[in-house]
Amino acid sequence: MAWDRDKERKAGKVMTLGGCIFALVFALIWCGVVVSMGAWLMLIPGLFIVGITGYRLVLCIQWSKEQKAPQKEADPWDRPAPSAPQTQQHANGFCPYCGSPISEDFTYCPKCGRRME
């Protein structure tokens, strides 16, 4: 069975949302019981849990909106021009576009992905 990163992310998100909902329900029940008993000092932990859990839910919702937004790919041709002629630098064992060391038999640079001619 192959490992699927998207399924793992979805499962993690479902677990986070489920945990947040459980914590909110527990905290609200706690606050209701504390108020009915008149122990106002014990209301502080319940409100703290409600605040932290609500903040976590907001972060999770914002994260899911960012994941759904289309991501613009970087243009591979928006790179600086080579400082020396391509054949000279490629023969020396360096990429003419990014300057990383490469072998002379490489067709593409492993760092920047440009084609060596």
N, C-alpha and C. Protein backbone atom coordinates (compact mmCIF):
# COMPACT_ATOMS: atom_id res chain seq x y z
N MET A 1 0.85 -1.18 0.00
CA MET A 1 0.00 0.00 0.00
C MET A 1 0.89 1.24 0.00
N ALA A 2 0.64 2.13 -0.91
CA ALA A 2 1.46 3.34 -1.06
C ALA A 2 1.02 4.41 -0.06
N TRP A 3 1.99 5.21 0.32
CA TRP A 3 1.73 6.30 1.26
C TRP A 3 1.16 7.48 0.49
N ASP A 4 0.04 8.01 0.94
CA ASP A 4 -0.63 9.11 0.26
C ASP A 4 -0.62 10.33 1.17
N ARG A 5 0.12 11.35 0.77
CA ARG A 5 0.28 12.55 1.58
C ARG A 5 -1.04 13.31 1.72
N ASP A 6 -1.84 13.36 0.65
CA ASP A 6 -3.11 14.09 0.73
C ASP A 6 -4.08 13.44 1.71
N LYS A 7 -4.14 12.12 1.70
CA LYS A 7 -5.02 11.43 2.65
C LYS A 7 -4.57 11.68 4.09
N GLU A 8 -3.25 11.70 4.29
CA GLU A 8 -2.73 11.95 5.64
C GLU A 8 -3.07 13.37 6.10
N ARG A 9 -2.96 14.34 5.20
CA ARG A 9 -3.31 15.72 5.56
C ARG A 9 -4.80 15.85 5.88
N LYS A 10 -5.64 15.20 5.09
CA LYS A 10 -7.08 15.26 5.35
C LYS A 10 -7.42 14.59 6.68
N ALA A 11 -6.78 13.46 6.97
CA ALA A 11 -7.03 12.78 8.24
C ALA A 11 -6.57 13.64 9.41
N GLY A 12 -5.43 14.29 9.27
CA GLY A 12 -4.95 15.18 10.32
C GLY A 12 -5.88 16.35 10.56
N LYS A 13 -6.42 16.88 9.47
CA LYS A 13 -7.35 18.01 9.59
C LYS A 13 -8.65 17.56 10.27
N VAL A 14 -9.15 16.38 9.90
CA VAL A 14 -10.38 15.86 10.51
C VAL A 14 -10.16 15.61 12.01
N MET A 15 -8.99 15.06 12.35
CA MET A 15 -8.69 14.82 13.77
C MET A 15 -8.58 16.13 14.54
N THR A 16 -7.96 17.14 13.92
CA THR A 16 -7.84 18.44 14.59
C THR A 16 -9.22 19.07 14.80
N LEU A 17 -10.04 19.05 13.78
CA LEU A 17 -11.38 19.62 13.90
C LEU A 17 -12.21 18.85 14.93
N GLY A 18 -12.12 17.52 14.92
CA GLY A 18 -12.85 16.71 15.89
C GLY A 18 -12.40 17.00 17.32
N GLY A 19 -11.10 17.12 17.51
CA GLY A 19 -10.58 17.44 18.84
C GLY A 19 -11.02 18.82 19.31
N CYS A 20 -11.03 19.78 18.39
CA CYS A 20 -11.46 21.13 18.75
C CYS A 20 -12.94 21.17 19.12
N ILE A 21 -13.74 20.46 18.36
CA ILE A 21 -15.18 20.44 18.65
C ILE A 21 -15.43 19.76 20.00
N PHE A 22 -14.73 18.66 20.27
CA PHE A 22 -14.86 17.98 21.56
C PHE A 22 -14.45 18.91 22.70
N ALA A 23 -13.33 19.61 22.53
CA ALA A 23 -12.86 20.52 23.58
C ALA A 23 -13.84 21.66 23.81
N LEU A 24 -14.41 22.20 22.73
CA LEU A 24 -15.40 23.28 22.89
C LEU A 24 -16.64 22.80 23.63
N VAL A 25 -17.14 21.63 23.26
CA VAL A 25 -18.33 21.11 23.94
C VAL A 25 -18.03 20.86 25.42
N PHE A 26 -16.86 20.26 25.70
CA PHE A 26 -16.48 20.00 27.09
C PHE A 26 -16.36 21.31 27.86
N ALA A 27 -15.71 22.30 27.26
CA ALA A 27 -15.51 23.58 27.96
C ALA A 27 -16.84 24.29 28.20
N LEU A 28 -17.73 24.25 27.25
CA LEU A 28 -19.04 24.90 27.44
C LEU A 28 -19.86 24.19 28.52
N ILE A 29 -19.81 22.86 28.54
CA ILE A 29 -20.50 22.13 29.61
C ILE A 29 -19.88 22.47 30.97
N TRP A 30 -18.54 22.53 31.00
CA TRP A 30 -17.83 22.90 32.23
C TRP A 30 -18.28 24.27 32.73
N CYS A 31 -18.33 25.23 31.81
CA CYS A 31 -18.74 26.58 32.20
C CYS A 31 -20.18 26.60 32.71
N GLY A 32 -21.04 25.84 32.05
CA GLY A 32 -22.43 25.78 32.50
C GLY A 32 -22.56 25.19 33.89
N VAL A 33 -21.82 24.12 34.17
CA VAL A 33 -21.88 23.48 35.49
C VAL A 33 -21.29 24.41 36.54
N VAL A 34 -20.19 25.08 36.22
CA VAL A 34 -19.54 25.98 37.18
C VAL A 34 -20.46 27.15 37.52
N VAL A 35 -21.13 27.71 36.51
CA VAL A 35 -22.04 28.83 36.76
C VAL A 35 -23.23 28.37 37.59
N SER A 36 -23.76 27.17 37.30
CA SER A 36 -24.92 26.69 38.07
C SER A 36 -24.55 26.40 39.53
N MET A 37 -23.29 26.04 39.80
CA MET A 37 -22.85 25.77 41.17
C MET A 37 -22.44 27.05 41.89
N GLY A 38 -22.17 28.11 41.15
CA GLY A 38 -21.78 29.37 41.77
C GLY A 38 -20.29 29.43 42.07
N ALA A 39 -19.47 28.54 41.49
CA ALA A 39 -18.02 28.55 41.71
C ALA A 39 -17.38 29.36 40.58
N TRP A 40 -17.47 30.66 40.71
CA TRP A 40 -17.04 31.55 39.63
C TRP A 40 -15.55 31.48 39.33
N LEU A 41 -14.74 31.13 40.31
CA LEU A 41 -13.30 31.04 40.10
C LEU A 41 -12.95 29.89 39.15
N MET A 42 -13.74 28.85 39.14
CA MET A 42 -13.49 27.72 38.25
C MET A 42 -13.95 28.00 36.81
N LEU A 43 -14.53 29.15 36.61
CA LEU A 43 -14.95 29.53 35.25
C LEU A 43 -13.74 29.90 34.40
N ILE A 44 -12.65 30.32 35.03
CA ILE A 44 -11.45 30.76 34.29
C ILE A 44 -10.87 29.65 33.42
N PRO A 45 -10.66 28.41 33.93
CA PRO A 45 -10.12 27.37 33.04
C PRO A 45 -11.04 27.04 31.88
N GLY A 46 -12.33 27.05 32.11
CA GLY A 46 -13.27 26.77 31.03
C GLY A 46 -13.21 27.82 29.94
N LEU A 47 -13.15 29.09 30.33
CA LEU A 47 -13.07 30.16 29.33
C LEU A 47 -11.72 30.12 28.60
N PHE A 48 -10.67 29.74 29.32
CA PHE A 48 -9.35 29.60 28.70
C PHE A 48 -9.38 28.51 27.62
N ILE A 49 -10.00 27.38 27.92
CA ILE A 49 -10.10 26.30 26.94
C ILE A 49 -10.93 26.74 25.74
N VAL A 50 -12.02 27.46 25.98
CA VAL A 50 -12.85 27.96 24.87
C VAL A 50 -12.04 28.90 23.98
N GLY A 51 -11.27 29.80 24.58
CA GLY A 51 -10.47 30.74 23.79
C GLY A 51 -9.40 30.06 22.97
N ILE A 52 -8.64 29.16 23.59
CA ILE A 52 -7.56 28.46 22.89
C ILE A 52 -8.12 27.59 21.76
N THR A 53 -9.20 26.88 22.04
CA THR A 53 -9.79 26.00 21.04
C THR A 53 -10.39 26.80 19.89
N GLY A 54 -11.02 27.91 20.20
CA GLY A 54 -11.55 28.76 19.14
C GLY A 54 -10.45 29.32 18.25
N TYR A 55 -9.35 29.71 18.86
CA TYR A 55 -8.21 30.21 18.08
C TYR A 55 -7.66 29.11 17.18
N ARG A 56 -7.59 27.88 17.69
CA ARG A 56 -7.10 26.75 16.89
C ARG A 56 -8.04 26.48 15.72
N LEU A 57 -9.33 26.58 15.94
CA LEU A 57 -10.29 26.39 14.85
C LEU A 57 -10.12 27.46 13.77
N VAL A 58 -9.91 28.70 14.17
CA VAL A 58 -9.70 29.77 13.19
C VAL A 58 -8.45 29.51 12.38
N LEU A 59 -7.37 29.09 13.02
CA LEU A 59 -6.14 28.78 12.29
C LEU A 59 -6.34 27.62 11.32
N CYS A 60 -7.09 26.61 11.74
CA CYS A 60 -7.34 25.46 10.88
C CYS A 60 -8.17 25.85 9.66
N ILE A 61 -9.15 26.70 9.85
CA ILE A 61 -9.98 27.16 8.73
C ILE A 61 -9.17 28.01 7.78
N GLN A 62 -8.33 28.90 8.30
CA GLN A 62 -7.48 29.72 7.43
C GLN A 62 -6.51 28.84 6.66
N TRP A 63 -5.96 27.81 7.30
CA TRP A 63 -5.03 26.91 6.63
C TRP A 63 -5.71 26.19 5.49
N SER A 64 -6.97 25.77 5.68
CA SER A 64 -7.66 25.05 4.61
C SER A 64 -7.97 25.98 3.45
N LYS A 65 -8.24 27.26 3.71
CA LYS A 65 -8.47 28.21 2.62
C LYS A 65 -7.20 28.45 1.83
N GLU A 66 -6.05 28.50 2.52
CA GLU A 66 -4.78 28.69 1.83
C GLU A 66 -4.44 27.48 0.98
N GLN A 67 -4.81 26.28 1.43
CA GLN A 67 -4.52 25.08 0.67
C GLN A 67 -5.37 25.00 -0.59
N LYS A 68 -6.59 25.54 -0.54
CA LYS A 68 -7.47 25.49 -1.70
C LYS A 68 -7.13 26.55 -2.74
N ALA A 69 -6.44 27.61 -2.34
CA ALA A 69 -6.10 28.68 -3.27
C ALA A 69 -5.09 28.15 -4.30
N PRO A 70 -5.29 28.51 -5.56
CA PRO A 70 -4.35 28.04 -6.57
C PRO A 70 -2.97 28.64 -6.35
N GLN A 71 -1.98 27.79 -6.42
CA GLN A 71 -0.62 28.24 -6.20
C GLN A 71 0.04 28.51 -7.55
N LYS A 72 0.60 29.69 -7.66
CA LYS A 72 1.26 30.07 -8.90
C LYS A 72 2.67 29.49 -8.92
N GLU A 73 2.98 28.80 -10.00
CA GLU A 73 4.31 28.22 -10.12
C GLU A 73 5.30 29.30 -10.52
N ALA A 74 6.51 29.14 -10.03
CA ALA A 74 7.56 30.09 -10.38
C ALA A 74 7.97 29.87 -11.84
N ASP A 75 8.20 30.94 -12.54
CA ASP A 75 8.63 30.86 -13.92
C ASP A 75 10.10 30.47 -13.96
N PRO A 76 10.44 29.35 -14.59
CA PRO A 76 11.84 28.92 -14.58
C PRO A 76 12.75 29.84 -15.37
N TRP A 77 12.19 30.72 -16.17
CA TRP A 77 13.03 31.60 -16.99
C TRP A 77 13.28 32.94 -16.31
N ASP A 78 12.72 33.14 -15.11
CA ASP A 78 13.00 34.36 -14.35
C ASP A 78 14.24 34.18 -13.48
N ARG A 79 15.31 33.90 -14.12
CA ARG A 79 16.58 33.72 -13.42
C ARG A 79 17.60 34.66 -14.03
N PRO A 80 18.63 34.98 -13.28
CA PRO A 80 19.63 35.89 -13.82
C PRO A 80 20.35 35.30 -15.04
N ALA A 81 20.74 36.18 -15.94
CA ALA A 81 21.45 35.75 -17.14
C ALA A 81 22.84 35.24 -16.75
N PRO A 82 23.38 34.33 -17.53
CA PRO A 82 24.71 33.81 -17.21
C PRO A 82 25.76 34.91 -17.31
N SER A 83 26.77 34.80 -16.46
CA SER A 83 27.81 35.83 -16.44
C SER A 83 28.88 35.56 -17.48
N ALA A 84 28.99 34.33 -17.96
CA ALA A 84 29.98 33.99 -18.98
C ALA A 84 29.28 33.16 -20.05
N PRO A 85 29.89 33.01 -21.20
CA PRO A 85 29.26 32.19 -22.25
C PRO A 85 28.94 30.79 -21.74
N GLN A 86 27.83 30.24 -22.22
CA GLN A 86 27.32 28.98 -21.71
C GLN A 86 28.29 27.83 -21.97
N THR A 87 28.85 27.76 -23.12
CA THR A 87 29.72 26.64 -23.44
C THR A 87 30.97 26.65 -22.56
N GLN A 88 31.47 27.82 -22.24
CA GLN A 88 32.67 27.90 -21.42
C GLN A 88 32.40 27.43 -19.99
N GLN A 89 31.31 27.90 -19.39
CA GLN A 89 31.03 27.50 -18.02
C GLN A 89 30.60 26.04 -17.95
N HIS A 90 29.82 25.56 -18.94
CA HIS A 90 29.38 24.17 -18.91
C HIS A 90 30.59 23.25 -19.07
N ALA A 91 31.54 23.64 -19.90
CA ALA A 91 32.75 22.84 -20.08
C ALA A 91 33.58 22.83 -18.80
N ASN A 92 33.49 23.89 -17.99
CA ASN A 92 34.23 23.95 -16.74
C ASN A 92 33.56 23.14 -15.63
N GLY A 93 32.34 22.65 -15.86
CA GLY A 93 31.66 21.85 -14.86
C GLY A 93 30.74 22.65 -13.96
N PHE A 94 30.29 23.84 -14.39
CA PHE A 94 29.37 24.65 -13.62
C PHE A 94 28.17 25.03 -14.48
N CYS A 95 27.02 25.14 -13.84
CA CYS A 95 25.81 25.55 -14.55
C CYS A 95 25.94 27.02 -14.93
N PRO A 96 25.64 27.37 -16.17
CA PRO A 96 25.76 28.77 -16.58
C PRO A 96 24.65 29.66 -16.01
N TYR A 97 23.59 29.06 -15.47
CA TYR A 97 22.47 29.85 -14.97
C TYR A 97 22.54 30.09 -13.47
N CYS A 98 22.88 29.04 -12.71
CA CYS A 98 22.90 29.20 -11.24
C CYS A 98 24.30 29.03 -10.65
N GLY A 99 25.24 28.51 -11.43
CA GLY A 99 26.61 28.39 -10.97
C GLY A 99 26.90 27.16 -10.13
N SER A 100 25.95 26.22 -10.02
CA SER A 100 26.20 25.02 -9.22
C SER A 100 27.10 24.06 -10.01
N PRO A 101 27.91 23.29 -9.32
CA PRO A 101 28.79 22.35 -10.02
C PRO A 101 27.99 21.20 -10.62
N ILE A 102 28.28 20.88 -11.89
CA ILE A 102 27.59 19.80 -12.59
C ILE A 102 28.60 19.01 -13.40
N SER A 103 28.21 17.83 -13.80
CA SER A 103 29.04 17.01 -14.66
C SER A 103 28.80 17.41 -16.11
N GLU A 104 29.76 17.15 -16.98
CA GLU A 104 29.63 17.57 -18.37
C GLU A 104 28.58 16.77 -19.13
N ASP A 105 28.22 15.58 -18.63
CA ASP A 105 27.24 14.76 -19.34
C ASP A 105 25.81 15.03 -18.90
N PHE A 106 25.59 16.01 -18.01
CA PHE A 106 24.23 16.35 -17.57
C PHE A 106 23.48 17.05 -18.69
N THR A 107 22.20 16.68 -18.85
CA THR A 107 21.33 17.36 -19.80
C THR A 107 20.63 18.53 -19.13
N TYR A 108 20.27 18.36 -17.84
CA TYR A 108 19.60 19.40 -17.06
C TYR A 108 20.39 19.65 -15.78
N CYS A 109 20.34 20.88 -15.31
CA CYS A 109 20.99 21.22 -14.04
C CYS A 109 20.15 20.66 -12.89
N PRO A 110 20.73 19.93 -11.95
CA PRO A 110 19.93 19.38 -10.86
C PRO A 110 19.45 20.44 -9.87
N LYS A 111 20.07 21.62 -9.85
CA LYS A 111 19.66 22.65 -8.89
C LYS A 111 18.57 23.56 -9.46
N CYS A 112 18.80 24.13 -10.65
CA CYS A 112 17.83 25.08 -11.19
C CYS A 112 16.91 24.48 -12.25
N GLY A 113 17.26 23.31 -12.79
CA GLY A 113 16.38 22.63 -13.73
C GLY A 113 16.49 23.11 -15.16
N ARG A 114 17.40 23.99 -15.47
CA ARG A 114 17.52 24.48 -16.84
C ARG A 114 18.26 23.46 -17.71
N ARG A 115 17.95 23.49 -18.99
CA ARG A 115 18.55 22.56 -19.94
C ARG A 115 19.95 23.05 -20.34
N MET A 116 20.89 22.12 -20.30
CA MET A 116 22.26 22.43 -20.76
C MET A 116 22.33 22.11 -22.24
N GLU A 117 22.83 23.03 -23.02
CA GLU A 117 22.90 22.82 -24.47
C GLU A 117 24.29 22.52 -24.92
